[in-house]
N, C-alpha and C. Protein backbone atom coordinates (compact mmCIF):
# COMPACT_ATOMS: atom_id res chain seq x y z
N MET A 1 14.78 -15.42 4.42
CA MET A 1 15.21 -14.43 5.41
C MET A 1 14.10 -13.32 5.02
N GLU A 2 13.36 -12.99 5.88
CA GLU A 2 12.50 -11.68 5.69
C GLU A 2 12.96 -10.66 6.46
N GLN A 3 12.63 -9.56 5.83
CA GLN A 3 13.09 -8.30 6.45
C GLN A 3 11.93 -7.18 6.23
N ASP A 4 12.10 -6.40 7.25
CA ASP A 4 11.22 -4.94 7.16
C ASP A 4 11.60 -4.43 6.09
N ILE A 5 10.60 -3.79 5.36
CA ILE A 5 10.95 -2.86 4.42
C ILE A 5 10.77 -1.41 4.88
N PRO A 6 11.89 -0.41 5.11
CA PRO A 6 11.63 0.80 5.64
C PRO A 6 10.79 1.51 4.79
N ASN A 7 9.99 2.58 5.17
CA ASN A 7 9.39 3.67 4.52
C ASN A 7 8.35 3.19 3.44
N THR A 8 7.84 1.80 3.56
CA THR A 8 6.86 1.36 2.77
C THR A 8 5.44 0.96 3.37
N GLY A 9 5.51 0.61 4.85
CA GLY A 9 4.29 0.33 5.58
C GLY A 9 4.37 -1.23 5.40
N LEU A 10 4.98 -1.98 4.87
CA LEU A 10 4.99 -3.36 4.86
C LEU A 10 5.80 -4.10 5.74
N GLN A 11 5.50 -5.15 6.28
CA GLN A 11 6.01 -5.71 7.22
C GLN A 11 7.16 -6.55 6.88
N ASN A 12 7.29 -7.22 5.88
CA ASN A 12 8.77 -7.81 5.48
C ASN A 12 8.63 -8.04 3.59
N ASP A 13 9.36 -8.53 2.88
CA ASP A 13 9.45 -8.68 1.67
C ASP A 13 8.57 -9.60 1.08
N ARG A 14 7.75 -10.44 1.97
CA ARG A 14 6.66 -11.42 1.50
C ARG A 14 5.51 -10.64 1.08
N ASP A 15 5.35 -9.45 1.64
CA ASP A 15 4.24 -8.61 1.37
C ASP A 15 4.24 -8.17 -0.07
N LEU A 16 5.43 -7.91 -0.64
CA LEU A 16 5.53 -7.61 -2.16
C LEU A 16 5.35 -8.89 -3.05
N THR A 17 5.30 -9.79 -2.47
CA THR A 17 5.15 -11.01 -3.31
C THR A 17 3.90 -11.69 -3.62
N PRO A 18 3.34 -11.81 -4.69
CA PRO A 18 2.00 -12.20 -4.97
C PRO A 18 1.91 -13.62 -4.26
N PRO A 19 0.69 -13.99 -3.92
CA PRO A 19 0.42 -15.25 -2.99
C PRO A 19 1.29 -16.55 -4.07
N GLY A 20 1.20 -16.56 -5.12
CA GLY A 20 1.51 -17.83 -5.99
C GLY A 20 3.06 -17.66 -6.00
N ARG A 21 3.76 -16.79 -5.49
CA ARG A 21 5.28 -16.92 -5.81
C ARG A 21 5.91 -17.00 -4.43
N ARG A 22 5.19 -16.78 -3.45
CA ARG A 22 5.73 -16.78 -1.98
C ARG A 22 6.44 -18.16 -1.52
N ASN A 23 6.52 -19.06 -2.26
CA ASN A 23 7.20 -20.41 -2.02
C ASN A 23 8.61 -20.10 -2.71
N LEU A 24 8.86 -19.07 -3.21
CA LEU A 24 10.29 -18.81 -3.83
C LEU A 24 11.38 -18.73 -2.65
N PRO A 25 12.60 -19.09 -2.93
CA PRO A 25 13.47 -19.12 -1.73
C PRO A 25 13.78 -17.55 -1.71
N ALA A 26 14.03 -17.38 -0.29
CA ALA A 26 14.38 -15.83 0.21
C ALA A 26 15.40 -15.19 -0.69
N GLU A 27 16.43 -15.89 -1.29
CA GLU A 27 17.34 -15.32 -1.84
C GLU A 27 16.85 -14.82 -3.41
N ARG A 28 16.21 -15.40 -3.95
CA ARG A 28 15.39 -15.03 -5.15
C ARG A 28 14.48 -13.89 -4.80
N ARG A 29 13.84 -13.93 -3.67
CA ARG A 29 12.97 -12.91 -3.50
C ARG A 29 13.90 -11.57 -3.34
N ALA A 30 14.99 -11.57 -2.64
CA ALA A 30 16.02 -10.48 -2.35
C ALA A 30 16.32 -9.90 -3.42
N VAL A 31 16.64 -10.58 -4.68
CA VAL A 31 17.09 -10.50 -5.94
C VAL A 31 16.05 -9.78 -6.70
N ARG A 32 14.91 -10.17 -6.58
CA ARG A 32 13.70 -9.42 -7.25
C ARG A 32 13.58 -8.12 -6.61
N LEU A 33 13.67 -7.87 -5.13
CA LEU A 33 13.44 -6.62 -4.63
C LEU A 33 14.44 -5.81 -4.89
N ALA A 34 15.64 -6.24 -4.84
CA ALA A 34 16.88 -5.28 -5.36
C ALA A 34 16.53 -4.79 -6.60
N ALA A 35 16.34 -5.65 -7.41
CA ALA A 35 16.05 -5.26 -8.90
C ALA A 35 14.91 -4.05 -9.17
N ARG A 36 13.62 -4.43 -8.29
CA ARG A 36 12.44 -3.64 -8.22
C ARG A 36 13.00 -2.30 -7.71
N ARG A 37 13.81 -2.01 -6.72
CA ARG A 37 14.38 -0.88 -5.76
C ARG A 37 15.13 0.01 -6.78
N LEU A 38 15.93 -0.56 -7.78
CA LEU A 38 16.79 0.00 -8.49
C LEU A 38 15.80 0.46 -9.81
N THR A 39 14.82 0.06 -10.36
CA THR A 39 14.36 0.67 -11.29
C THR A 39 13.13 1.40 -10.81
N ASP A 40 12.57 1.28 -9.72
CA ASP A 40 11.46 2.14 -9.27
C ASP A 40 11.81 3.46 -8.56
N LYS A 41 13.00 3.29 -8.27
CA LYS A 41 13.54 4.73 -7.37
C LYS A 41 14.24 5.60 -8.27
N ALA A 42 14.67 5.11 -9.66
CA ALA A 42 15.20 5.91 -10.48
C ALA A 42 14.66 7.18 -10.76
N PRO A 43 13.43 7.35 -11.01
CA PRO A 43 12.80 8.60 -11.32
C PRO A 43 12.89 9.64 -10.30
N ALA A 44 12.85 9.19 -8.86
CA ALA A 44 13.07 10.18 -7.78
C ALA A 44 14.56 10.50 -7.67
N LEU A 45 15.50 9.59 -7.82
CA LEU A 45 16.81 9.93 -7.71
C LEU A 45 17.04 11.27 -9.02
N VAL A 46 16.63 10.84 -10.05
CA VAL A 46 16.62 12.01 -11.05
C VAL A 46 16.43 13.38 -10.69
N ALA A 47 15.42 13.48 -9.96
CA ALA A 47 14.95 14.82 -9.52
C ALA A 47 16.01 15.38 -8.50
N GLY A 48 17.06 14.80 -8.09
CA GLY A 48 18.07 15.41 -7.07
C GLY A 48 19.35 15.77 -8.02
N SER A 49 20.38 16.22 -7.28
CA SER A 49 21.57 16.36 -8.14
C SER A 49 22.25 15.31 -8.68
N ALA A 50 23.29 15.82 -9.72
CA ALA A 50 23.92 14.62 -10.47
C ALA A 50 24.57 13.73 -9.32
N GLY A 51 25.21 14.34 -8.52
CA GLY A 51 25.93 13.71 -7.39
C GLY A 51 25.11 12.57 -6.64
N ALA A 52 23.77 13.06 -6.45
CA ALA A 52 22.71 12.28 -5.57
C ALA A 52 22.60 11.17 -6.38
N LEU A 53 22.15 11.24 -7.68
CA LEU A 53 21.80 10.26 -8.82
C LEU A 53 22.92 9.30 -8.76
N ARG A 54 24.15 9.76 -8.92
CA ARG A 54 25.08 8.77 -9.28
C ARG A 54 25.23 7.78 -7.80
N ALA A 55 25.11 8.57 -6.65
CA ALA A 55 25.47 7.88 -5.59
C ALA A 55 24.19 6.77 -5.21
N GLY A 56 22.87 7.36 -5.22
CA GLY A 56 21.80 6.50 -5.37
C GLY A 56 21.76 5.26 -6.23
N LEU A 57 22.17 5.50 -7.60
CA LEU A 57 22.32 4.43 -8.42
C LEU A 57 23.32 3.51 -8.06
N ALA A 58 24.50 3.88 -7.76
CA ALA A 58 25.59 2.94 -7.31
C ALA A 58 25.14 1.95 -6.27
N ALA A 59 24.53 2.76 -5.04
CA ALA A 59 24.14 2.06 -3.83
C ALA A 59 23.12 0.87 -4.28
N ARG A 60 22.25 1.31 -5.13
CA ARG A 60 21.26 0.26 -5.60
C ARG A 60 21.76 -0.76 -6.28
N ALA A 61 22.51 -0.51 -7.39
CA ALA A 61 23.46 -1.45 -8.05
C ALA A 61 24.18 -2.28 -7.10
N ALA A 62 24.90 -1.88 -6.30
CA ALA A 62 25.57 -2.72 -5.29
C ALA A 62 24.64 -3.62 -4.43
N SER A 63 23.50 -3.27 -4.18
CA SER A 63 22.55 -3.95 -3.58
C SER A 63 22.17 -5.04 -4.31
N LEU A 64 21.89 -5.03 -5.70
CA LEU A 64 21.64 -5.92 -6.57
C LEU A 64 22.73 -6.92 -6.67
N ARG A 65 23.72 -6.36 -6.72
CA ARG A 65 25.09 -7.39 -7.02
C ARG A 65 25.15 -8.34 -5.76
N ARG A 66 25.24 -7.51 -4.43
CA ARG A 66 25.08 -8.51 -3.45
C ARG A 66 24.00 -9.43 -3.37
N ALA A 67 23.00 -9.24 -3.74
CA ALA A 67 21.77 -10.32 -3.60
C ALA A 67 21.76 -11.12 -4.91
N THR A 68 22.36 -10.71 -5.87
CA THR A 68 22.85 -11.87 -6.90
C THR A 68 23.79 -12.80 -6.42
N LEU A 69 24.81 -12.11 -5.79
CA LEU A 69 25.83 -13.12 -5.62
C LEU A 69 25.47 -14.05 -4.16
N THR A 70 24.60 -13.59 -3.39
CA THR A 70 24.10 -14.44 -2.28
C THR A 70 23.13 -15.44 -2.73
N ALA A 71 22.53 -15.12 -3.78
CA ALA A 71 21.55 -16.23 -4.57
C ALA A 71 22.52 -17.36 -5.26
N TRP A 72 23.52 -16.95 -5.79
CA TRP A 72 24.45 -17.97 -6.47
C TRP A 72 24.96 -18.80 -5.40
N HIS A 73 25.45 -18.27 -4.07
CA HIS A 73 25.92 -19.08 -3.18
C HIS A 73 24.96 -20.03 -2.69
N ALA A 74 23.92 -19.71 -2.71
CA ALA A 74 22.71 -20.37 -2.15
C ALA A 74 22.30 -21.62 -3.23
N GLY A 75 23.03 -21.59 -4.33
CA GLY A 75 22.75 -22.43 -5.24
C GLY A 75 21.81 -22.15 -6.44
N ILE A 76 21.35 -21.01 -6.45
CA ILE A 76 20.33 -20.52 -7.60
C ILE A 76 21.15 -20.40 -8.76
N PRO A 77 20.62 -21.04 -9.71
CA PRO A 77 21.42 -20.95 -11.27
C PRO A 77 21.49 -19.70 -11.80
N PRO A 78 22.80 -19.32 -12.16
CA PRO A 78 22.75 -17.88 -12.70
C PRO A 78 21.60 -17.35 -13.98
N GLN A 79 21.26 -18.43 -14.73
CA GLN A 79 20.08 -18.00 -15.59
C GLN A 79 18.82 -17.44 -14.84
N VAL A 80 18.59 -18.43 -13.87
CA VAL A 80 17.41 -17.69 -12.90
C VAL A 80 17.55 -16.52 -12.40
N ILE A 81 18.53 -16.43 -11.79
CA ILE A 81 19.21 -15.12 -11.18
C ILE A 81 19.06 -13.84 -12.01
N ALA A 82 19.47 -14.24 -13.23
CA ALA A 82 19.46 -13.34 -14.54
C ALA A 82 18.03 -12.99 -14.56
N ALA A 83 17.06 -13.88 -14.84
CA ALA A 83 15.87 -13.47 -15.30
C ALA A 83 15.12 -12.75 -13.94
N ASP A 84 15.41 -13.12 -12.44
CA ASP A 84 14.98 -12.43 -11.39
C ASP A 84 15.36 -11.03 -11.41
N ALA A 85 16.57 -10.73 -11.74
CA ALA A 85 17.32 -9.42 -11.65
C ALA A 85 17.15 -8.60 -12.79
N ARG A 86 16.41 -9.12 -13.91
CA ARG A 86 16.37 -8.32 -14.96
C ARG A 86 17.70 -8.11 -15.68
N LEU A 87 18.66 -8.60 -15.41
CA LEU A 87 19.83 -8.85 -16.12
C LEU A 87 20.14 -9.64 -17.17
N SER A 88 21.13 -9.27 -17.93
CA SER A 88 21.58 -10.58 -19.04
C SER A 88 22.39 -11.64 -18.15
N PRO A 89 22.07 -13.00 -18.50
CA PRO A 89 22.97 -13.96 -18.03
C PRO A 89 24.51 -13.67 -18.12
N GLY A 90 24.88 -12.94 -18.98
CA GLY A 90 26.33 -12.59 -19.06
C GLY A 90 26.69 -11.65 -18.05
N THR A 91 25.99 -10.81 -17.61
CA THR A 91 26.15 -9.77 -16.50
C THR A 91 26.47 -10.62 -15.29
N VAL A 92 25.36 -11.43 -14.96
CA VAL A 92 25.37 -12.26 -13.52
C VAL A 92 26.65 -13.27 -13.64
N ARG A 93 26.98 -13.78 -14.75
CA ARG A 93 28.17 -14.66 -14.92
C ARG A 93 29.53 -13.64 -14.60
N ARG A 94 29.32 -12.61 -15.19
CA ARG A 94 30.72 -11.61 -14.97
C ARG A 94 30.69 -11.31 -13.32
N TRP A 95 29.77 -10.99 -12.92
CA TRP A 95 29.54 -10.70 -11.53
C TRP A 95 30.30 -12.14 -10.62
N ILE A 96 29.86 -13.26 -10.79
CA ILE A 96 30.22 -14.13 -10.21
C ILE A 96 31.93 -14.78 -10.52
N ALA A 97 32.08 -14.34 -11.89
CA ALA A 97 33.49 -14.69 -11.96
C ALA A 97 34.44 -13.70 -11.04
N ALA A 98 33.87 -12.43 -11.29
CA ALA A 98 34.75 -11.44 -10.51
C ALA A 98 34.90 -11.67 -9.14
N GLU A 99 33.79 -12.16 -8.47
CA GLU A 99 33.70 -12.52 -7.01
C GLU A 99 34.59 -13.56 -6.72
N SER A 100 34.45 -14.57 -7.64
CA SER A 100 35.06 -16.01 -7.60
C SER A 100 36.68 -15.63 -7.47
N HIS A 101 37.19 -14.63 -8.40
CA HIS A 101 38.30 -14.41 -8.80
C HIS A 101 39.07 -13.62 -7.59
N GLY A 102 38.29 -12.83 -6.84
CA GLY A 102 38.57 -12.04 -6.07
C GLY A 102 38.78 -12.81 -4.54
N HIS A 103 38.33 -13.95 -4.48
CA HIS A 103 38.38 -14.59 -3.25
C HIS A 103 39.29 -15.82 -3.46
N SER A 104 40.01 -15.87 -4.64
CA SER A 104 40.98 -17.13 -4.81
C SER A 104 42.23 -16.91 -4.12
């Protein structure tokens, strides 16, 4: 699933992916993109108010969590998701468990 990336001049998320990695499943690319957005935008968020910082980080963390769960539903192993997301495997497993428990 390719998507336009607003405010970057890039047509889709594949433009951010080195040619050797373009064969990654879309779900893995989405996890990597969400992780990159969380870390890359943090300095800009710090320049704003404390409320804007909290809201911005919360929105980006929620985006990473959604991408992580989407990848898991697509069959990507938790340890692979963790590496792509730059998270600990334990964090990914907790998110999966919380999501699974919430839908039972």
